[in-house]
Amino acid sequence: MHQESQSNFLKDETSNLKLNQEVILYESKRYIPYFMGGYYADFAPIPPYDPFDFILEFLCVLAMILNWIFFQAIYDELQDYVPLFYNSKGQVYITGDKLILYTLPTLGTFFFVILSILQLITNRFKYEMQITPENAKFVFHFTRKFVMACKFITMCLFIYITIGSLQVIRDNYAGYLMAYAVLAVIFYGLSYNVYTIHMATL
């Protein structure tokens, strides 16, 4: 919340909320401070999912499940000890137990959980703009779409990294092709660009 808008806030001394926080009144609406230093409005909960949200969430869950399925199918065909690191000439110089490969889909699942939590609390994010009853629904809902889009891109990225890494180990894939994973930055950037353009219209 910008400093100039904070000057219009008044502390609610009569609030009966059982919170160890001060409650701020602004234009007769209650705002509650939270740990990131901004304010979220208890008058404007996050809108329910629309059909596009359900489709995007389904694709995210599907991508995470497929990542594990593809991983396990290839993992079972690997030897107990596999190459883990290669030098600049593509020669193996470190091998290890293949159990360490579980790190890849596990990390993907970790990011899935973190982003899933974030998409549920977009009304508690710290926004540069002032949140009002008029724009709250759009801001919270569109921010959730942005988080979900990032989650889908992340799941697709981990599918590429996981399957690609295993295929490199099996000598079915050239190691340098894994560098294409950086192209995910383009998709993250496009998502953020669309998000900022829509936010600028408010």
C-alpha atoms as a PDB file:
ATOM      1  CA  MET A   1       0.000   0.000   0.000  1.00  0.00           C
ATOM      2  CA  HIS A   2       1.497   3.392  -0.992  1.00  0.00           C
ATOM      3  CA  GLN A   3       2.515   5.769   1.783  1.00  0.00           C
ATOM      4  CA  GLU A   4       0.151   8.522   0.601  1.00  0.00           C
ATOM      5  CA  SER A   5      -2.858   6.234   0.808  1.00  0.00           C
ATOM      6  CA  GLN A   6      -1.878   5.029   4.271  1.00  0.00           C
ATOM      7  CA  SER A   7      -2.399   8.547   5.630  1.00  0.00           C
ATOM      8  CA  ASN A   8      -6.142   8.067   5.124  1.00  0.00           C
ATOM      9  CA  PHE A   9      -6.246   4.998   7.365  1.00  0.00           C
ATOM     10  CA  LEU A  10      -7.678   5.194  10.882  1.00  0.00           C
ATOM     11  CA  LYS A  11      -7.082   2.665  13.618  1.00  0.00           C
ATOM     12  CA  ASP A  12     -10.174   0.821  14.767  1.00  0.00           C
ATOM     13  CA  GLU A  13     -10.011   1.031  18.564  1.00  0.00           C
ATOM     14  CA  THR A  14     -13.414  -0.574  19.053  1.00  0.00           C
ATOM     15  CA  SER A  15     -12.893  -3.720  17.025  1.00  0.00           C
ATOM     16  CA  ASN A  16     -13.918  -6.916  18.774  1.00  0.00           C
ATOM     17  CA  LEU A  17     -11.866  -9.125  16.486  1.00  0.00           C
ATOM     18  CA  LYS A  18      -9.879 -11.649  18.468  1.00  0.00           C
ATOM     19  CA  LEU A  19      -6.620 -10.840  16.710  1.00  0.00           C
ATOM     20  CA  ASN A  20      -3.227  -9.838  17.996  1.00  0.00           C
ATOM     21  CA  GLN A  21      -3.183  -7.203  15.246  1.00  0.00           C
ATOM     22  CA  GLU A  22      -4.440  -3.692  14.901  1.00  0.00           C
ATOM     23  CA  VAL A  23      -7.329  -3.260  12.492  1.00  0.00           C
ATOM     24  CA  ILE A  24      -7.308  -0.301  10.134  1.00  0.00           C
ATOM     25  CA  LEU A  25     -10.388   1.486   8.841  1.00  0.00           C
ATOM     26  CA  TYR A  26     -10.310   2.992   5.376  1.00  0.00           C
ATOM     27  CA  GLU A  27     -13.467   4.327   3.761  1.00  0.00           C
ATOM     28  CA  SER A  28     -15.480   2.364   6.345  1.00  0.00           C
ATOM     29  CA  LYS A  29     -13.797  -0.914   5.339  1.00  0.00           C
ATOM     30  CA  ARG A  30     -11.546  -3.002   7.542  1.00  0.00           C
ATOM     31  CA  TYR A  31      -7.979  -3.778   6.561  1.00  0.00           C
ATOM     32  CA  ILE A  32      -5.855  -6.231   8.543  1.00  0.00           C
ATOM     33  CA  PRO A  33      -2.024  -6.063   8.543  1.00  0.00           C
ATOM     34  CA  TYR A  34      -0.210  -9.247   7.623  1.00  0.00           C
ATOM     35  CA  PHE A  35       3.335 -10.527   7.797  1.00  0.00           C
ATOM     36  CA  MET A  36       4.534  -9.153   4.452  1.00  0.00           C
ATOM     37  CA  GLY A  37       3.912  -5.575   5.539  1.00  0.00           C
ATOM     38  CA  GLY A  38       0.897  -4.705   3.401  1.00  0.00           C
ATOM     39  CA  TYR A  39      -2.822  -4.903   3.999  1.00  0.00           C
ATOM     40  CA  TYR A  40      -5.492  -7.251   2.799  1.00  0.00           C
ATOM     41  CA  ALA A  41      -9.181  -6.455   2.780  1.00  0.00           C
ATOM     42  CA  ASP A  42     -11.488  -8.752   4.671  1.00  0.00           C
ATOM     43  CA  PHE A  43     -14.430  -7.326   2.703  1.00  0.00           C
ATOM     44  CA  ALA A  44     -13.208  -8.834  -0.553  1.00  0.00           C
ATOM     45  CA  PRO A  45     -12.463 -12.571  -0.536  1.00  0.00           C
ATOM     46  CA  ILE A  46     -10.945 -14.226  -3.591  1.00  0.00           C
ATOM     47  CA  PRO A  47     -13.630 -14.980  -6.208  1.00  0.00           C
ATOM     48  CA  PRO A  48     -14.482 -18.636  -6.881  1.00  0.00           C
ATOM     49  CA  TYR A  49     -12.865 -20.521  -9.746  1.00  0.00           C
ATOM     50  CA  ASP A  50     -14.240 -19.933 -13.234  1.00  0.00           C
ATOM     51  CA  PRO A  51     -14.145 -22.601 -16.003  1.00  0.00           C
ATOM     52  CA  PHE A  52     -10.738 -21.417 -17.247  1.00  0.00           C
ATOM     53  CA  ASP A  53      -9.301 -21.747 -13.740  1.00  0.00           C
ATOM     54  CA  PHE A  54     -10.583 -25.320 -13.462  1.00  0.00           C
ATOM     55  CA  ILE A  55      -9.065 -26.230 -16.840  1.00  0.00           C
ATOM     56  CA  LEU A  56      -5.710 -24.676 -15.944  1.00  0.00           C
ATOM     57  CA  GLU A  57      -5.661 -26.394 -12.554  1.00  0.00           C
ATOM     58  CA  PHE A  58      -6.494 -29.726 -14.198  1.00  0.00           C
ATOM     59  CA  LEU A  59      -3.603 -29.289 -16.642  1.00  0.00           C
ATOM     60  CA  CYS A  60      -1.238 -28.498 -13.768  1.00  0.00           C
ATOM     61  CA  VAL A  61      -2.253 -31.598 -11.831  1.00  0.00           C
ATOM     62  CA  LEU A  62      -2.057 -33.714 -14.987  1.00  0.00           C
ATOM     63  CA  ALA A  63       1.440 -32.417 -15.768  1.00  0.00           C
ATOM     64  CA  MET A  64       2.647 -33.230 -12.247  1.00  0.00           C
ATOM     65  CA  ILE A  65       1.217 -36.759 -12.410  1.00  0.00           C
ATOM     66  CA  LEU A  66       2.669 -37.383 -15.868  1.00  0.00           C
ATOM     67  CA  ASN A  67       6.050 -36.216 -14.632  1.00  0.00           C
ATOM     68  CA  TRP A  68       6.030 -38.949 -11.990  1.00  0.00           C
ATOM     69  CA  ILE A  69       4.697 -41.589 -14.390  1.00  0.00           C
ATOM     70  CA  PHE A  70       7.307 -40.864 -17.068  1.00  0.00           C
ATOM     71  CA  PHE A  71      10.044 -40.689 -14.455  1.00  0.00           C
ATOM     72  CA  GLN A  72       9.157 -44.027 -12.875  1.00  0.00           C
ATOM     73  CA  ALA A  73       8.857 -45.770 -16.245  1.00  0.00           C
ATOM     74  CA  ILE A  74      12.397 -44.757 -17.233  1.00  0.00           C
ATOM     75  CA  TYR A  75      13.840 -45.028 -13.722  1.00  0.00           C
ATOM     76  CA  ASP A  76      12.971 -48.733 -13.473  1.00  0.00           C
ATOM     77  CA  GLU A  77      15.092 -49.439 -16.569  1.00  0.00           C
ATOM     78  CA  LEU A  78      18.231 -47.777 -15.189  1.00  0.00           C
ATOM     79  CA  GLN A  79      21.114 -49.569 -13.517  1.00  0.00           C
ATOM     80  CA  ASP A  80      21.640 -49.130  -9.780  1.00  0.00           C
ATOM     81  CA  TYR A  81      24.512 -46.698 -10.344  1.00  0.00           C
ATOM     82  CA  VAL A  82      24.218 -44.032 -13.001  1.00  0.00           C
ATOM     83  CA  PRO A  83      26.360 -41.145 -14.285  1.00  0.00           C
ATOM     84  CA  LEU A  84      25.584 -37.920 -12.461  1.00  0.00           C
ATOM     85  CA  PHE A  85      28.122 -35.383 -13.721  1.00  0.00           C
ATOM     86  CA  TYR A  86      29.883 -34.896 -17.034  1.00  0.00           C
ATOM     87  CA  ASN A  87      32.905 -32.801 -17.966  1.00  0.00           C
ATOM     88  CA  SER A  88      33.063 -30.327 -20.845  1.00  0.00           C
ATOM     89  CA  LYS A  89      33.873 -33.183 -23.254  1.00  0.00           C
ATOM     90  CA  GLY A  90      30.786 -35.110 -22.265  1.00  0.00           C
ATOM     91  CA  GLN A  91      32.744 -37.712 -20.317  1.00  0.00           C
ATOM     92  CA  VAL A  92      31.368 -39.063 -17.040  1.00  0.00           C
ATOM     93  CA  TYR A  93      33.461 -38.187 -13.998  1.00  0.00           C
ATOM     94  CA  ILE A  94      30.993 -38.794 -11.141  1.00  0.00           C
ATOM     95  CA  THR A  95      28.559 -41.668 -10.738  1.00  0.00           C
ATOM     96  CA  GLY A  96      26.128 -42.367  -7.924  1.00  0.00           C
ATOM     97  CA  ASP A  97      23.111 -44.273  -6.703  1.00  0.00           C
ATOM     98  CA  LYS A  98      20.146 -43.730  -8.967  1.00  0.00           C
ATOM     99  CA  LEU A  99      17.977 -42.942  -5.930  1.00  0.00           C
ATOM    100  CA  ILE A 100      19.286 -39.397  -6.098  1.00  0.00           C
ATOM    101  CA  LEU A 101      17.301 -38.947  -9.325  1.00  0.00           C
ATOM    102  CA  TYR A 102      14.108 -38.826  -7.260  1.00  0.00           C
ATOM    103  CA  THR A 103      15.173 -35.280  -6.452  1.00  0.00           C
ATOM    104  CA  LEU A 104      13.891 -34.141  -9.855  1.00  0.00           C
ATOM    105  CA  PRO A 105      10.185 -35.065  -9.632  1.00  0.00           C
ATOM    106  CA  THR A 106      10.212 -34.296  -5.905  1.00  0.00           C
ATOM    107  CA  LEU A 107      11.339 -30.734  -6.589  1.00  0.00           C
ATOM    108  CA  GLY A 108       8.619 -30.420  -9.203  1.00  0.00           C
ATOM    109  CA  THR A 109       6.026 -31.523  -6.659  1.00  0.00           C
ATOM    110  CA  PHE A 110       7.448 -29.103  -4.091  1.00  0.00           C
ATOM    111  CA  PHE A 111       6.990 -26.144  -6.441  1.00  0.00           C
ATOM    112  CA  PHE A 112       3.505 -27.402  -7.301  1.00  0.00           C
ATOM    113  CA  VAL A 113       2.527 -27.299  -3.626  1.00  0.00           C
ATOM    114  CA  ILE A 114       4.081 -23.873  -2.997  1.00  0.00           C
ATOM    115  CA  LEU A 115       2.377 -22.285  -6.007  1.00  0.00           C
ATOM    116  CA  SER A 116      -0.916 -23.980  -5.129  1.00  0.00           C
ATOM    117  CA  ILE A 117      -0.781 -22.355  -1.690  1.00  0.00           C
ATOM    118  CA  LEU A 118       0.056 -18.957  -3.173  1.00  0.00           C
ATOM    119  CA  GLN A 119      -2.889 -19.054  -5.555  1.00  0.00           C
ATOM    120  CA  LEU A 120      -5.212 -19.472  -2.565  1.00  0.00           C
ATOM    121  CA  ILE A 121      -4.047 -16.304  -0.795  1.00  0.00           C
ATOM    122  CA  THR A 122      -3.822 -13.685  -3.538  1.00  0.00           C
ATOM    123  CA  ASN A 123      -5.926 -11.401  -1.332  1.00  0.00           C
ATOM    124  CA  ARG A 124      -2.952 -11.289   1.052  1.00  0.00           C
ATOM    125  CA  PHE A 125      -0.330 -10.240  -1.459  1.00  0.00           C
ATOM    126  CA  LYS A 126       1.218  -6.799  -1.224  1.00  0.00           C
ATOM    127  CA  TYR A 127       0.094  -4.839  -4.278  1.00  0.00           C
ATOM    128  CA  GLU A 128       1.510  -1.587  -5.579  1.00  0.00           C
ATOM    129  CA  MET A 129      -1.983  -0.316  -6.336  1.00  0.00           C
ATOM    130  CA  GLN A 130      -4.651   0.513  -3.810  1.00  0.00           C
ATOM    131  CA  ILE A 131      -7.158  -2.322  -3.420  1.00  0.00           C
ATOM    132  CA  THR A 132     -10.751  -1.073  -3.327  1.00  0.00           C
ATOM    133  CA  PRO A 133     -14.152  -2.804  -3.325  1.00  0.00           C
ATOM    134  CA  GLU A 134     -14.396  -1.941  -7.011  1.00  0.00           C
ATOM    135  CA  ASN A 135     -11.133  -3.516  -8.198  1.00  0.00           C
ATOM    136  CA  ALA A 136     -10.529  -6.202  -5.560  1.00  0.00           C
ATOM    137  CA  LYS A 137     -12.377  -8.990  -7.361  1.00  0.00           C
ATOM    138  CA  PHE A 138     -10.491  -8.443 -10.613  1.00  0.00           C
ATOM    139  CA  VAL A 139      -7.081  -8.009  -8.968  1.00  0.00           C
ATOM    140  CA  PHE A 140      -7.329 -11.097  -6.750  1.00  0.00           C
ATOM    141  CA  HIS A 141      -8.809 -13.247  -9.516  1.00  0.00           C
ATOM    142  CA  PHE A 142      -6.386 -12.210 -12.259  1.00  0.00           C
ATOM    143  CA  THR A 143      -3.415 -12.548  -9.919  1.00  0.00           C
ATOM    144  CA  ARG A 144      -4.530 -16.101  -9.200  1.00  0.00           C
ATOM    145  CA  LYS A 145      -4.618 -16.792 -12.946  1.00  0.00           C
ATOM    146  CA  PHE A 146      -1.063 -15.484 -13.219  1.00  0.00           C
ATOM    147  CA  VAL A 147       0.136 -17.754 -10.392  1.00  0.00           C
ATOM    148  CA  MET A 148      -1.626 -20.728 -11.981  1.00  0.00           C
ATOM    149  CA  ALA A 149      -0.047 -19.963 -15.355  1.00  0.00           C
ATOM    150  CA  CYS A 150       3.381 -19.903 -13.687  1.00  0.00           C
ATOM    151  CA  LYS A 151       2.565 -23.217 -12.030  1.00  0.00           C
ATOM    152  CA  PHE A 152       1.688 -24.823 -15.363  1.00  0.00           C
ATOM    153  CA  ILE A 153       4.887 -23.518 -16.980  1.00  0.00           C
ATOM    154  CA  THR A 154       6.878 -24.840 -14.010  1.00  0.00           C
ATOM    155  CA  MET A 155       5.301 -28.298 -14.280  1.00  0.00           C
ATOM    156  CA  CYS A 156       6.068 -28.454 -18.015  1.00  0.00           C
ATOM    157  CA  LEU A 157       9.624 -27.313 -17.302  1.00  0.00           C
ATOM    158  CA  PHE A 158      10.136 -30.111 -14.777  1.00  0.00           C
ATOM    159  CA  ILE A 159       8.767 -32.673 -17.222  1.00  0.00           C
ATOM    160  CA  TYR A 160      11.410 -31.551 -19.720  1.00  0.00           C
ATOM    161  CA  ILE A 161      14.205 -31.489 -17.128  1.00  0.00           C
ATOM    162  CA  THR A 162      13.253 -34.832 -15.575  1.00  0.00           C
ATOM    163  CA  ILE A 163      12.719 -36.812 -18.760  1.00  0.00           C
ATOM    164  CA  GLY A 164      15.611 -35.117 -20.536  1.00  0.00           C
ATOM    165  CA  SER A 165      18.037 -35.856 -17.712  1.00  0.00           C
ATOM    166  CA  LEU A 166      17.101 -39.536 -17.677  1.00  0.00           C
ATOM    167  CA  GLN A 167      17.417 -39.764 -21.429  1.00  0.00           C
ATOM    168  CA  VAL A 168      20.895 -38.209 -21.234  1.00  0.00           C
ATOM    169  CA  ILE A 169      21.851 -40.880 -18.710  1.00  0.00           C
ATOM    170  CA  ARG A 170      20.612 -43.548 -21.125  1.00  0.00           C
ATOM    171  CA  ASP A 171      22.575 -41.906 -23.989  1.00  0.00           C
ATOM    172  CA  ASN A 172      19.354 -41.298 -25.880  1.00  0.00           C
ATOM    173  CA  TYR A 173      19.633 -37.536 -25.672  1.00  0.00           C
ATOM    174  CA  ALA A 174      22.513 -35.122 -26.205  1.00  0.00           C
ATOM    175  CA  GLY A 175      23.365 -33.317 -23.000  1.00  0.00           C
ATOM    176  CA  TYR A 176      23.636 -29.877 -24.613  1.00  0.00           C
ATOM    177  CA  LEU A 177      19.956 -30.045 -25.574  1.00  0.00           C
ATOM    178  CA  MET A 178      19.074 -29.644 -21.906  1.00  0.00           C
ATOM    179  CA  ALA A 179      20.045 -25.992 -22.328  1.00  0.00           C
ATOM    180  CA  TYR A 180      16.719 -25.465 -24.064  1.00  0.00           C
ATOM    181  CA  ALA A 181      15.156 -25.480 -20.596  1.00  0.00           C
ATOM    182  CA  VAL A 182      16.106 -21.801 -20.325  1.00  0.00           C
ATOM    183  CA  LEU A 183      13.428 -21.070 -22.929  1.00  0.00           C
ATOM    184  CA  ALA A 184      10.945 -21.360 -20.073  1.00  0.00           C
ATOM    185  CA  VAL A 185      12.048 -17.849 -19.117  1.00  0.00           C
ATOM    186  CA  ILE A 186      10.302 -16.604 -22.258  1.00  0.00           C
ATOM    187  CA  PHE A 187       6.993 -18.114 -21.187  1.00  0.00           C
ATOM    188  CA  TYR A 188       7.348 -16.748 -17.647  1.00  0.00           C
ATOM    189  CA  GLY A 189       8.081 -13.343 -19.159  1.00  0.00           C
ATOM    190  CA  LEU A 190       5.078 -13.485 -21.485  1.00  0.00           C
ATOM    191  CA  SER A 191       2.790 -14.410 -18.598  1.00  0.00           C
ATOM    192  CA  TYR A 192       4.114 -11.548 -16.503  1.00  0.00           C
ATOM    193  CA  ASN A 193       3.774  -9.137 -19.417  1.00  0.00           C
ATOM    194  CA  VAL A 194       0.112 -10.053 -19.907  1.00  0.00           C
ATOM    195  CA  TYR A 195      -0.446  -9.696 -16.165  1.00  0.00           C
ATOM    196  CA  THR A 196       1.106  -6.230 -15.935  1.00  0.00           C
ATOM    197  CA  ILE A 197      -0.776  -5.005 -19.011  1.00  0.00           C
ATOM    198  CA  HIS A 198      -4.109  -5.980 -17.462  1.00  0.00           C
ATOM    199  CA  MET A 199      -3.145  -4.486 -14.090  1.00  0.00           C
ATOM    200  CA  ALA A 200      -2.232  -1.211 -15.794  1.00  0.00           C
ATOM    201  CA  THR A 201      -5.797  -0.818 -17.039  1.00  0.00           C
ATOM    202  CA  LEU A 202      -7.117  -0.385 -13.477  1.00  0.00           C
END
